[in-house]
Protein backbone atom coordinates (compact mmCIF):
# COMPACT_ATOMS: atom_id res chain seq x y z
CA UNK A 1 13.02 60.78 78.12
CA UNK A 2 9.38 62.20 77.67
CA UNK A 3 10.28 63.98 74.89
CA UNK A 4 11.98 61.82 73.65
CA UNK A 5 8.85 59.24 73.60
CA UNK A 6 6.56 62.61 72.57
CA UNK A 7 8.91 63.42 69.20
CA UNK A 8 8.89 59.32 69.09
CA UNK A 9 5.29 59.34 68.77
CA UNK A 10 4.56 62.00 66.46
CA UNK A 11 7.30 60.68 63.90
CA UNK A 12 4.92 57.44 63.75
CA UNK A 13 2.43 60.01 63.21
CA UNK A 14 3.80 61.14 60.40
CA UNK A 15 4.86 57.97 58.83
CA UNK A 16 1.39 56.44 59.16
CA UNK A 17 -0.18 59.73 57.62
CA UNK A 18 1.99 59.10 54.73
CA UNK A 19 1.25 55.52 54.22
CA UNK A 20 -2.18 56.14 54.57
CA UNK A 21 -1.69 58.57 51.99
CA UNK A 22 -0.06 56.36 49.56
CA UNK A 23 -2.72 53.64 50.34
CA UNK A 24 -5.85 56.08 49.23
CA UNK A 25 -3.51 57.69 46.17
CA UNK A 26 -3.10 53.34 45.30
CA UNK A 27 -7.18 52.82 45.64
CA UNK A 28 -7.98 55.67 43.54
CA UNK A 29 -5.08 54.78 40.40
CA UNK A 30 -6.77 51.23 40.92
CA UNK A 31 -10.23 51.93 41.17
CA UNK A 32 -10.24 54.58 38.47
CA UNK A 33 -8.01 51.91 35.99
CA UNK A 34 -10.85 49.86 36.58
CA UNK A 35 -13.66 51.86 35.97
CA UNK A 36 -12.49 53.32 32.94
CA UNK A 37 -11.82 49.49 31.58
CA UNK A 38 -15.54 48.73 32.92
CA UNK A 39 -17.61 51.42 31.20
CA UNK A 40 -14.68 51.59 28.17
CA UNK A 41 -13.77 55.30 28.76
CA UNK A 42 -10.01 54.64 28.13
CA UNK A 43 -10.43 56.63 24.56
CA UNK A 44 -12.59 59.20 25.73
CA UNK A 45 -12.38 62.66 26.91
CA UNK A 46 -12.22 63.63 30.20
CA UNK A 47 -15.42 65.96 29.97
CA UNK A 48 -17.02 62.93 29.02
CA UNK A 49 -15.88 60.75 31.72
CA UNK A 50 -16.53 63.43 34.33
CA UNK A 51 -20.45 63.92 32.67
CA UNK A 52 -20.78 59.96 32.35
CA UNK A 53 -19.87 60.18 36.14
CA UNK A 54 -22.74 62.56 37.00
CA UNK A 55 -25.19 60.53 35.09
CA UNK A 56 -24.32 58.04 37.25
CA UNK A 57 -24.23 59.43 40.59
CA UNK A 58 -28.01 60.70 39.50
CA UNK A 59 -28.82 57.33 38.67
CA UNK A 60 -27.48 55.96 41.76
CA UNK A 61 -29.03 58.70 43.98
CA UNK A 62 -32.64 58.20 42.20
CA UNK A 63 -32.42 53.87 43.28
CA UNK A 64 -31.11 54.34 46.38
CA UNK A 65 -34.63 56.58 47.02
CA UNK A 66 -36.79 54.81 45.42
CA UNK A 67 -35.14 51.79 47.75
CA UNK A 68 -35.06 53.65 50.45
CA UNK A 69 -39.35 54.72 49.63
CA UNK A 70 -40.27 50.95 49.30
CA UNK A 71 -38.36 50.13 52.54
CA UNK A 72 -40.29 52.69 54.12
CA UNK A 73 -43.38 51.36 52.38
CA UNK A 74 -43.11 47.50 53.86
CA UNK A 75 -41.76 49.08 57.39
CA UNK A 76 -45.49 50.74 57.53
CA UNK A 77 -47.36 47.43 56.13
CA UNK A 78 -45.16 45.59 58.89
CA UNK A 79 -46.54 48.25 61.31
CA UNK A 80 -49.90 47.76 60.64
CA UNK A 81 -50.00 43.92 60.86
CA UNK A 82 -48.80 44.55 64.48
CA UNK A 83 -51.41 44.75 67.04
CA UNK A 84 -50.08 47.47 69.62
CA UNK A 85 -51.12 46.70 73.11
CA UNK A 86 -52.35 50.42 73.51
CA UNK A 87 -54.76 50.17 71.09
CA UNK A 88 -57.54 48.12 73.46
CA UNK A 89 -57.31 51.20 75.63
CA UNK A 90 -58.04 53.38 72.40
CA UNK A 91 -61.17 51.67 70.63
CA UNK A 92 -63.35 54.41 70.97
CA UNK A 93 -65.07 54.93 74.13
CA UNK A 94 -63.50 55.77 77.57
CA UNK A 95 -63.40 53.68 80.56
CA UNK A 96 -64.06 56.07 84.12
């Protein structure tokens, strides 16, 4: 009985993996179609489309880096505005 249950679970896993694969394929097909439509690339050769995608990736990474730098600057500025409790102890003179 245990063997049957294990086999049943393995079959369920296989079916779910196949469903997942089909869902991913459908997602890729639908998003690819929308991508081609959005950027009017349907009549372009595959090489041009691949080059366009690479350019978008570079642009996205550059913008992402710039946004992260801006966020870090804002975080640094907000840190400077907050008084530190330990600052009082390290003002430039020492207690004995």
